[in-house]
Amino acid sequence: MPDFLSNSQILLPILVLVIWSLIMLLWTAATRLPTIAKLGLGPESGERTADLAALLPKEVQWKADNYNHLMEQPTIFYATAIVLAIAGLGEGLNLYMAWFYVGSRIVHSIVHVTVNFVPVRFTVFLLGTVSLLVMAVNGTLQIVG
């Protein structure tokens, strides 16, 4: 293994979250496409995502909404984890927080696409955000320190 990858354990949570995001993409397609066909919606219905979303049952749209969420805040996680790996800080607390963040995103997804109970979803999101903040602050302190 090259020296720069000797502290690469934190890269595994990144890959797990990428795989989860792709699973959510497949879940979105598996629910949306049959619903679109069943409702007889033509190509013009999807010219704007918001227009199509308004025509689909909310339970179907939740999957697409969640996939979009996985393209938002996790980008900060990816950047943070990669910086920590490059800086040789991908172990210990940073690694635990990375795994916690990934777990929180998976739980958030499952809540979002099944029951979508917002208080639980928000709490899980908040806890994951705190773990991301801990990673970023801890990494910054270690790099500056």
N, C-alpha and C. Protein backbone atom coordinates (compact mmCIF):
# COMPACT_ATOMS: atom_id res chain seq x y z
N MET A 1 0.85 -1.17 0.00
CA MET A 1 0.00 0.00 0.00
C MET A 1 0.90 1.24 0.00
N PRO A 2 0.62 2.21 -0.87
CA PRO A 2 1.42 3.44 -0.87
C PRO A 2 1.33 4.15 0.48
N ASP A 3 2.40 4.87 0.85
CA ASP A 3 2.44 5.55 2.15
C ASP A 3 1.25 6.48 2.36
N PHE A 4 0.84 7.20 1.31
CA PHE A 4 -0.24 8.16 1.49
C PHE A 4 -1.57 7.48 1.79
N LEU A 5 -1.67 6.16 1.58
CA LEU A 5 -2.89 5.43 1.90
C LEU A 5 -2.79 4.67 3.22
N SER A 6 -1.67 4.83 3.92
CA SER A 6 -1.51 4.08 5.16
C SER A 6 -2.54 4.47 6.21
N ASN A 7 -3.09 5.67 6.10
CA ASN A 7 -4.11 6.12 7.04
C ASN A 7 -5.43 6.29 6.29
N SER A 8 -5.79 5.27 5.52
CA SER A 8 -6.95 5.40 4.64
C SER A 8 -8.23 4.79 5.19
N GLN A 9 -8.25 4.39 6.45
CA GLN A 9 -9.46 3.78 6.99
C GLN A 9 -10.68 4.68 6.84
N ILE A 10 -10.48 5.98 6.88
CA ILE A 10 -11.60 6.92 6.79
C ILE A 10 -12.17 6.98 5.37
N LEU A 11 -11.47 6.39 4.41
CA LEU A 11 -12.00 6.36 3.05
C LEU A 11 -13.12 5.33 2.90
N LEU A 12 -13.14 4.32 3.74
CA LEU A 12 -14.18 3.30 3.65
C LEU A 12 -15.58 3.87 3.92
N PRO A 13 -15.77 4.70 4.96
CA PRO A 13 -17.10 5.29 5.12
C PRO A 13 -17.54 6.11 3.91
N ILE A 14 -16.60 6.73 3.23
CA ILE A 14 -16.95 7.47 2.01
C ILE A 14 -17.53 6.52 0.98
N LEU A 15 -16.86 5.41 0.75
CA LEU A 15 -17.33 4.45 -0.24
C LEU A 15 -18.67 3.84 0.14
N VAL A 16 -18.88 3.60 1.44
CA VAL A 16 -20.16 3.05 1.89
C VAL A 16 -21.28 4.05 1.62
N LEU A 17 -21.02 5.35 1.86
CA LEU A 17 -22.06 6.34 1.60
C LEU A 17 -22.32 6.49 0.10
N VAL A 18 -21.29 6.35 -0.71
CA VAL A 18 -21.49 6.38 -2.17
C VAL A 18 -22.37 5.20 -2.59
N ILE A 19 -22.07 4.02 -2.08
CA ILE A 19 -22.88 2.84 -2.40
C ILE A 19 -24.32 3.04 -1.94
N TRP A 20 -24.50 3.58 -0.73
CA TRP A 20 -25.86 3.83 -0.24
C TRP A 20 -26.59 4.82 -1.15
N SER A 21 -25.89 5.85 -1.59
CA SER A 21 -26.51 6.84 -2.48
C SER A 21 -26.97 6.19 -3.78
N LEU A 22 -26.18 5.28 -4.30
CA LEU A 22 -26.56 4.58 -5.53
C LEU A 22 -27.72 3.62 -5.29
N ILE A 23 -27.77 3.02 -4.11
CA ILE A 23 -28.93 2.18 -3.76
C ILE A 23 -30.18 3.05 -3.74
N MET A 24 -30.08 4.24 -3.18
CA MET A 24 -31.24 5.15 -3.14
C MET A 24 -31.63 5.58 -4.55
N LEU A 25 -30.67 5.75 -5.43
CA LEU A 25 -30.98 6.09 -6.82
C LEU A 25 -31.78 4.96 -7.47
N LEU A 26 -31.34 3.73 -7.26
CA LEU A 26 -32.07 2.58 -7.81
C LEU A 26 -33.46 2.45 -7.20
N TRP A 27 -33.57 2.68 -5.91
CA TRP A 27 -34.87 2.62 -5.23
C TRP A 27 -35.80 3.69 -5.80
N THR A 28 -35.24 4.87 -6.07
CA THR A 28 -36.02 5.96 -6.67
C THR A 28 -36.56 5.53 -8.03
N ALA A 29 -35.68 5.01 -8.86
CA ALA A 29 -36.10 4.59 -10.21
C ALA A 29 -37.11 3.44 -10.14
N ALA A 30 -36.88 2.51 -9.22
CA ALA A 30 -37.77 1.35 -9.10
C ALA A 30 -39.17 1.72 -8.64
N THR A 31 -39.32 2.84 -7.96
CA THR A 31 -40.65 3.26 -7.54
C THR A 31 -41.25 4.31 -8.47
N ARG A 32 -40.42 5.21 -8.96
CA ARG A 32 -40.93 6.28 -9.81
C ARG A 32 -41.36 5.81 -11.20
N LEU A 33 -40.51 5.03 -11.85
CA LEU A 33 -40.81 4.65 -13.24
C LEU A 33 -42.12 3.87 -13.37
N PRO A 34 -42.37 2.86 -12.53
CA PRO A 34 -43.67 2.17 -12.63
C PRO A 34 -44.85 3.10 -12.32
N THR A 35 -44.66 4.01 -11.38
CA THR A 35 -45.75 4.94 -11.04
C THR A 35 -46.01 5.89 -12.20
N ILE A 36 -44.97 6.37 -12.82
CA ILE A 36 -45.13 7.26 -13.98
C ILE A 36 -45.89 6.53 -15.09
N ALA A 37 -45.52 5.27 -15.32
CA ALA A 37 -46.21 4.48 -16.35
C ALA A 37 -47.67 4.24 -15.96
N LYS A 38 -47.90 3.89 -14.70
CA LYS A 38 -49.26 3.61 -14.22
C LYS A 38 -50.16 4.84 -14.34
N LEU A 39 -49.61 6.00 -14.08
CA LEU A 39 -50.38 7.24 -14.16
C LEU A 39 -50.49 7.77 -15.59
N GLY A 40 -49.78 7.12 -16.51
CA GLY A 40 -49.83 7.53 -17.91
C GLY A 40 -49.22 8.89 -18.17
N LEU A 41 -48.20 9.22 -17.40
CA LEU A 41 -47.54 10.52 -17.56
C LEU A 41 -46.56 10.46 -18.73
N GLY A 42 -46.62 11.41 -19.60
CA GLY A 42 -45.73 11.45 -20.75
C GLY A 42 -44.44 12.19 -20.45
N PRO A 43 -43.54 12.24 -21.43
CA PRO A 43 -42.23 12.88 -21.24
C PRO A 43 -42.34 14.35 -20.84
N GLU A 44 -43.39 15.02 -21.30
CA GLU A 44 -43.55 16.44 -20.97
C GLU A 44 -43.82 16.65 -19.48
N SER A 45 -44.26 15.62 -18.79
CA SER A 45 -44.55 15.72 -17.36
C SER A 45 -43.28 15.92 -16.54
N GLY A 46 -42.17 15.50 -17.08
CA GLY A 46 -40.92 15.57 -16.33
C GLY A 46 -39.96 16.63 -16.82
N GLU A 47 -40.47 17.60 -17.56
CA GLU A 47 -39.58 18.66 -18.05
C GLU A 47 -38.92 19.39 -16.88
N ARG A 48 -39.67 19.59 -15.84
CA ARG A 48 -39.13 20.16 -14.61
C ARG A 48 -39.42 19.17 -13.49
N THR A 49 -38.41 18.88 -12.70
CA THR A 49 -38.57 17.91 -11.63
C THR A 49 -39.71 18.29 -10.69
N ALA A 50 -39.83 19.58 -10.39
CA ALA A 50 -40.88 20.03 -9.48
C ALA A 50 -42.27 19.73 -10.05
N ASP A 51 -42.41 19.86 -11.37
CA ASP A 51 -43.71 19.56 -11.99
C ASP A 51 -44.05 18.08 -11.85
N LEU A 52 -43.07 17.23 -12.10
CA LEU A 52 -43.30 15.80 -11.98
C LEU A 52 -43.58 15.43 -10.53
N ALA A 53 -42.85 16.02 -9.61
CA ALA A 53 -43.04 15.71 -8.19
C ALA A 53 -44.46 16.00 -7.74
N ALA A 54 -45.04 17.05 -8.27
CA ALA A 54 -46.40 17.42 -7.90
C ALA A 54 -47.43 16.41 -8.39
N LEU A 55 -47.07 15.64 -9.40
CA LEU A 55 -48.01 14.66 -9.98
C LEU A 55 -47.91 13.27 -9.35
N LEU A 56 -46.84 13.03 -8.61
CA LEU A 56 -46.60 11.70 -8.04
C LEU A 56 -47.10 11.63 -6.60
N PRO A 57 -47.49 10.44 -6.16
CA PRO A 57 -47.83 10.28 -4.74
C PRO A 57 -46.63 10.64 -3.87
N LYS A 58 -46.89 11.23 -2.72
CA LYS A 58 -45.79 11.70 -1.87
C LYS A 58 -44.84 10.57 -1.47
N GLU A 59 -45.38 9.37 -1.25
CA GLU A 59 -44.53 8.24 -0.86
C GLU A 59 -43.53 7.87 -1.95
N VAL A 60 -43.90 8.11 -3.19
CA VAL A 60 -43.00 7.85 -4.31
C VAL A 60 -41.97 8.97 -4.41
N GLN A 61 -42.41 10.18 -4.22
CA GLN A 61 -41.53 11.33 -4.33
C GLN A 61 -40.49 11.38 -3.22
N TRP A 62 -40.81 10.85 -2.05
CA TRP A 62 -39.87 10.86 -0.94
C TRP A 62 -38.53 10.23 -1.33
N LYS A 63 -38.55 9.20 -2.15
CA LYS A 63 -37.30 8.54 -2.54
C LYS A 63 -36.42 9.50 -3.34
N ALA A 64 -37.02 10.21 -4.28
CA ALA A 64 -36.26 11.17 -5.09
C ALA A 64 -35.77 12.32 -4.23
N ASP A 65 -36.61 12.77 -3.31
CA ASP A 65 -36.20 13.85 -2.41
C ASP A 65 -34.99 13.42 -1.59
N ASN A 66 -35.03 12.18 -1.10
CA ASN A 66 -33.92 11.69 -0.29
C ASN A 66 -32.65 11.56 -1.11
N TYR A 67 -32.77 11.06 -2.32
CA TYR A 67 -31.59 10.96 -3.18
C TYR A 67 -30.99 12.36 -3.37
N ASN A 68 -31.83 13.34 -3.59
CA ASN A 68 -31.32 14.72 -3.73
C ASN A 68 -30.61 15.17 -2.46
N HIS A 69 -31.16 14.81 -1.30
CA HIS A 69 -30.51 15.17 -0.04
C HIS A 69 -29.12 14.54 0.07
N LEU A 70 -28.99 13.33 -0.47
CA LEU A 70 -27.70 12.64 -0.42
C LEU A 70 -26.66 13.29 -1.35
N MET A 71 -27.11 14.18 -2.21
CA MET A 71 -26.19 14.92 -3.08
C MET A 71 -25.84 16.29 -2.49
N GLU A 72 -26.39 16.61 -1.34
CA GLU A 72 -26.20 17.93 -0.74
C GLU A 72 -25.16 17.87 0.38
N GLN A 73 -25.56 17.81 1.64
CA GLN A 73 -24.62 17.87 2.76
C GLN A 73 -23.51 16.81 2.70
N PRO A 74 -23.77 15.60 2.23
CA PRO A 74 -22.67 14.63 2.17
C PRO A 74 -21.46 15.09 1.36
N THR A 75 -21.63 16.05 0.47
CA THR A 75 -20.45 16.55 -0.26
C THR A 75 -19.45 17.18 0.70
N ILE A 76 -19.96 17.81 1.77
CA ILE A 76 -19.07 18.38 2.79
C ILE A 76 -18.38 17.25 3.54
N PHE A 77 -19.12 16.18 3.80
CA PHE A 77 -18.53 15.01 4.46
C PHE A 77 -17.41 14.43 3.61
N TYR A 78 -17.66 14.27 2.31
CA TYR A 78 -16.62 13.70 1.44
C TYR A 78 -15.36 14.55 1.48
N ALA A 79 -15.52 15.86 1.36
CA ALA A 79 -14.36 16.76 1.39
C ALA A 79 -13.62 16.65 2.72
N THR A 80 -14.37 16.65 3.80
CA THR A 80 -13.75 16.57 5.14
C THR A 80 -12.99 15.27 5.32
N ALA A 81 -13.62 14.16 4.98
CA ALA A 81 -12.97 12.86 5.16
C ALA A 81 -11.74 12.71 4.28
N ILE A 82 -11.80 13.23 3.07
CA ILE A 82 -10.63 13.14 2.18
C ILE A 82 -9.48 14.00 2.71
N VAL A 83 -9.78 15.19 3.19
CA VAL A 83 -8.74 16.04 3.78
C VAL A 83 -8.12 15.33 4.98
N LEU A 84 -8.95 14.74 5.83
CA LEU A 84 -8.43 14.03 6.99
C LEU A 84 -7.55 12.85 6.57
N ALA A 85 -7.95 12.14 5.54
CA ALA A 85 -7.13 11.01 5.05
C ALA A 85 -5.79 11.51 4.54
N ILE A 86 -5.82 12.57 3.73
CA ILE A 86 -4.57 13.12 3.18
C ILE A 86 -3.65 13.62 4.29
N ALA A 87 -4.25 14.23 5.32
CA ALA A 87 -3.47 14.77 6.43
C ALA A 87 -3.00 13.69 7.41
N GLY A 88 -3.40 12.44 7.17
CA GLY A 88 -3.01 11.36 8.07
C GLY A 88 -3.81 11.37 9.36
N LEU A 89 -5.02 11.91 9.31
CA LEU A 89 -5.86 12.04 10.51
C LEU A 89 -7.14 11.22 10.39
N GLY A 90 -7.08 10.12 9.68
CA GLY A 90 -8.28 9.33 9.42
C GLY A 90 -8.53 8.21 10.39
N GLU A 91 -8.04 8.32 11.61
CA GLU A 91 -8.26 7.29 12.61
C GLU A 91 -8.88 7.89 13.86
N GLY A 92 -9.10 7.08 14.86
CA GLY A 92 -9.58 7.56 16.15
C GLY A 92 -10.93 8.25 16.06
N LEU A 93 -11.04 9.39 16.75
CA LEU A 93 -12.30 10.12 16.81
C LEU A 93 -12.82 10.47 15.42
N ASN A 94 -11.94 10.88 14.53
CA ASN A 94 -12.38 11.25 13.18
C ASN A 94 -13.02 10.06 12.46
N LEU A 95 -12.45 8.90 12.61
CA LEU A 95 -13.00 7.70 11.98
C LEU A 95 -14.35 7.33 12.60
N TYR A 96 -14.42 7.39 13.93
CA TYR A 96 -15.69 7.09 14.59
C TYR A 96 -16.79 8.05 14.14
N MET A 97 -16.45 9.33 14.05
CA MET A 97 -17.43 10.33 13.61
C MET A 97 -17.83 10.11 12.15
N ALA A 98 -16.89 9.67 11.33
CA ALA A 98 -17.20 9.40 9.92
C ALA A 98 -18.21 8.25 9.83
N TRP A 99 -17.97 7.18 10.58
CA TRP A 99 -18.91 6.07 10.57
C TRP A 99 -20.26 6.47 11.15
N PHE A 100 -20.24 7.29 12.19
CA PHE A 100 -21.50 7.77 12.76
C PHE A 100 -22.26 8.59 11.73
N TYR A 101 -21.55 9.45 11.01
CA TYR A 101 -22.20 10.27 9.98
C TYR A 101 -22.86 9.39 8.92
N VAL A 102 -22.12 8.41 8.42
CA VAL A 102 -22.66 7.51 7.39
C VAL A 102 -23.88 6.76 7.94
N GLY A 103 -23.77 6.25 9.14
CA GLY A 103 -24.92 5.57 9.75
C GLY A 103 -26.13 6.49 9.88
N SER A 104 -25.87 7.73 10.26
CA SER A 104 -26.98 8.68 10.40
C SER A 104 -27.64 8.96 9.06
N ARG A 105 -26.85 9.02 8.00
CA ARG A 105 -27.43 9.27 6.67
C ARG A 105 -28.27 8.08 6.21
N ILE A 106 -27.82 6.88 6.52
CA ILE A 106 -28.59 5.69 6.14
C ILE A 106 -29.90 5.65 6.93
N VAL A 107 -29.82 5.90 8.23
CA VAL A 107 -31.04 5.92 9.04
C VAL A 107 -31.97 7.04 8.57
N HIS A 108 -31.41 8.21 8.30
CA HIS A 108 -32.21 9.33 7.79
C HIS A 108 -32.94 8.93 6.51
N SER A 109 -32.23 8.26 5.62
CA SER A 109 -32.85 7.81 4.36
C SER A 109 -34.01 6.87 4.62
N ILE A 110 -33.79 5.89 5.48
CA ILE A 110 -34.82 4.89 5.74
C ILE A 110 -36.06 5.55 6.35
N VAL A 111 -35.86 6.45 7.30
CA VAL A 111 -37.00 7.17 7.89
C VAL A 111 -37.69 7.99 6.81
N HIS A 112 -36.91 8.70 6.01
CA HIS A 112 -37.46 9.60 4.99
C HIS A 112 -38.30 8.86 3.97
N VAL A 113 -37.81 7.74 3.49
CA VAL A 113 -38.50 7.07 2.37
C VAL A 113 -39.59 6.10 2.81
N THR A 114 -39.70 5.88 4.11
CA THR A 114 -40.74 4.96 4.58
C THR A 114 -41.87 5.72 5.28
N VAL A 115 -41.61 6.21 6.48
CA VAL A 115 -42.67 6.90 7.24
C VAL A 115 -42.59 8.41 7.15
N ASN A 116 -41.40 8.94 6.85
CA ASN A 116 -41.15 10.37 6.73
C ASN A 116 -41.68 11.15 7.93
N PHE A 117 -41.40 10.64 9.12
CA PHE A 117 -41.79 11.34 10.34
C PHE A 117 -40.73 12.39 10.62
N VAL A 118 -41.07 13.63 10.36
CA VAL A 118 -40.09 14.73 10.34
C VAL A 118 -39.35 14.91 11.66
N PRO A 119 -39.99 14.84 12.82
CA PRO A 119 -39.21 15.01 14.05
C PRO A 119 -38.06 14.00 14.20
N VAL A 120 -38.32 12.76 13.85
CA VAL A 120 -37.26 11.74 13.91
C VAL A 120 -36.22 12.02 12.84
N ARG A 121 -36.68 12.30 11.64
CA ARG A 121 -35.77 12.57 10.52
C ARG A 121 -34.87 13.75 10.85
N PHE A 122 -35.43 14.81 11.39
CA PHE A 122 -34.63 16.00 11.72
C PHE A 122 -33.63 15.69 12.83
N THR A 123 -34.06 14.93 13.83
CA THR A 123 -33.14 14.58 14.93
C THR A 123 -31.95 13.80 14.41
N VAL A 124 -32.21 12.83 13.56
CA VAL A 124 -31.12 12.02 12.98
C VAL A 124 -30.21 12.92 12.13
N PHE A 125 -30.81 13.80 11.35
CA PHE A 125 -30.03 14.74 10.53
C PHE A 125 -29.15 15.62 11.42
N LEU A 126 -29.72 16.13 12.50
CA LEU A 126 -28.98 17.00 13.41
C LEU A 126 -27.80 16.27 14.05
N LEU A 127 -28.04 15.04 14.50
CA LEU A 127 -26.96 14.25 15.11
C LEU A 127 -25.83 14.00 14.09
N GLY A 128 -26.20 13.67 12.86
CA GLY A 128 -25.19 13.47 11.83
C GLY A 128 -24.42 14.75 11.54
N THR A 129 -25.11 15.87 11.53
CA THR A 129 -24.46 17.15 11.29
C THR A 129 -23.47 17.47 12.40
N VAL A 130 -23.84 17.16 13.64
CA VAL A 130 -22.92 17.38 14.76
C VAL A 130 -21.67 16.52 14.58
N SER A 131 -21.83 15.28 14.15
CA SER A 131 -20.65 14.42 13.96
C SER A 131 -19.75 14.98 12.86
N LEU A 132 -20.35 15.53 11.82
CA LEU A 132 -19.57 16.15 10.75
C LEU A 132 -18.83 17.38 11.27
N LEU A 133 -19.50 18.17 12.09
CA LEU A 133 -18.85 19.33 12.70
C LEU A 133 -17.68 18.91 13.58
N VAL A 134 -17.86 17.85 14.36
CA VAL A 134 -16.78 17.34 15.21
C VAL A 134 -15.59 16.92 14.35
N MET A 135 -15.85 16.23 13.26
CA MET A 135 -14.76 15.83 12.35
C MET A 135 -14.01 17.05 11.84
N ALA A 136 -14.74 18.06 11.38
CA ALA A 136 -14.12 19.24 10.77
C ALA A 136 -13.32 20.04 11.83
N VAL A 137 -13.90 20.24 12.99
CA VAL A 137 -13.22 21.02 14.04
C VAL A 137 -12.02 20.24 14.55
N ASN A 138 -12.20 18.95 14.82
CA ASN A 138 -11.10 18.14 15.32
C ASN A 138 -9.95 18.09 14.31
N GLY A 139 -10.29 17.91 13.04
CA GLY A 139 -9.26 17.91 12.01
C GLY A 139 -8.55 19.23 11.91
N THR A 140 -9.30 20.31 11.97
CA THR A 140 -8.69 21.64 11.90
C THR A 140 -7.74 21.85 13.07
N LEU A 141 -8.17 21.50 14.27
CA LEU A 141 -7.31 21.66 15.45
C LEU A 141 -6.05 20.80 15.35
N GLN A 142 -6.19 19.60 14.80
CA GLN A 142 -5.02 18.72 14.66
C GLN A 142 -4.06 19.25 13.60
N ILE A 143 -4.60 19.79 12.52
CA ILE A 143 -3.73 20.32 11.46
C ILE A 143 -3.02 21.59 11.93
N VAL A 144 -3.76 22.47 12.57
CA VAL A 144 -3.18 23.74 13.05
C VAL A 144 -2.26 23.52 14.24
N GLY A 145 -2.69 22.56 15.09
CA GLY A 145 -2.08 22.30 16.38
C GLY A 145 -0.63 22.08 16.39
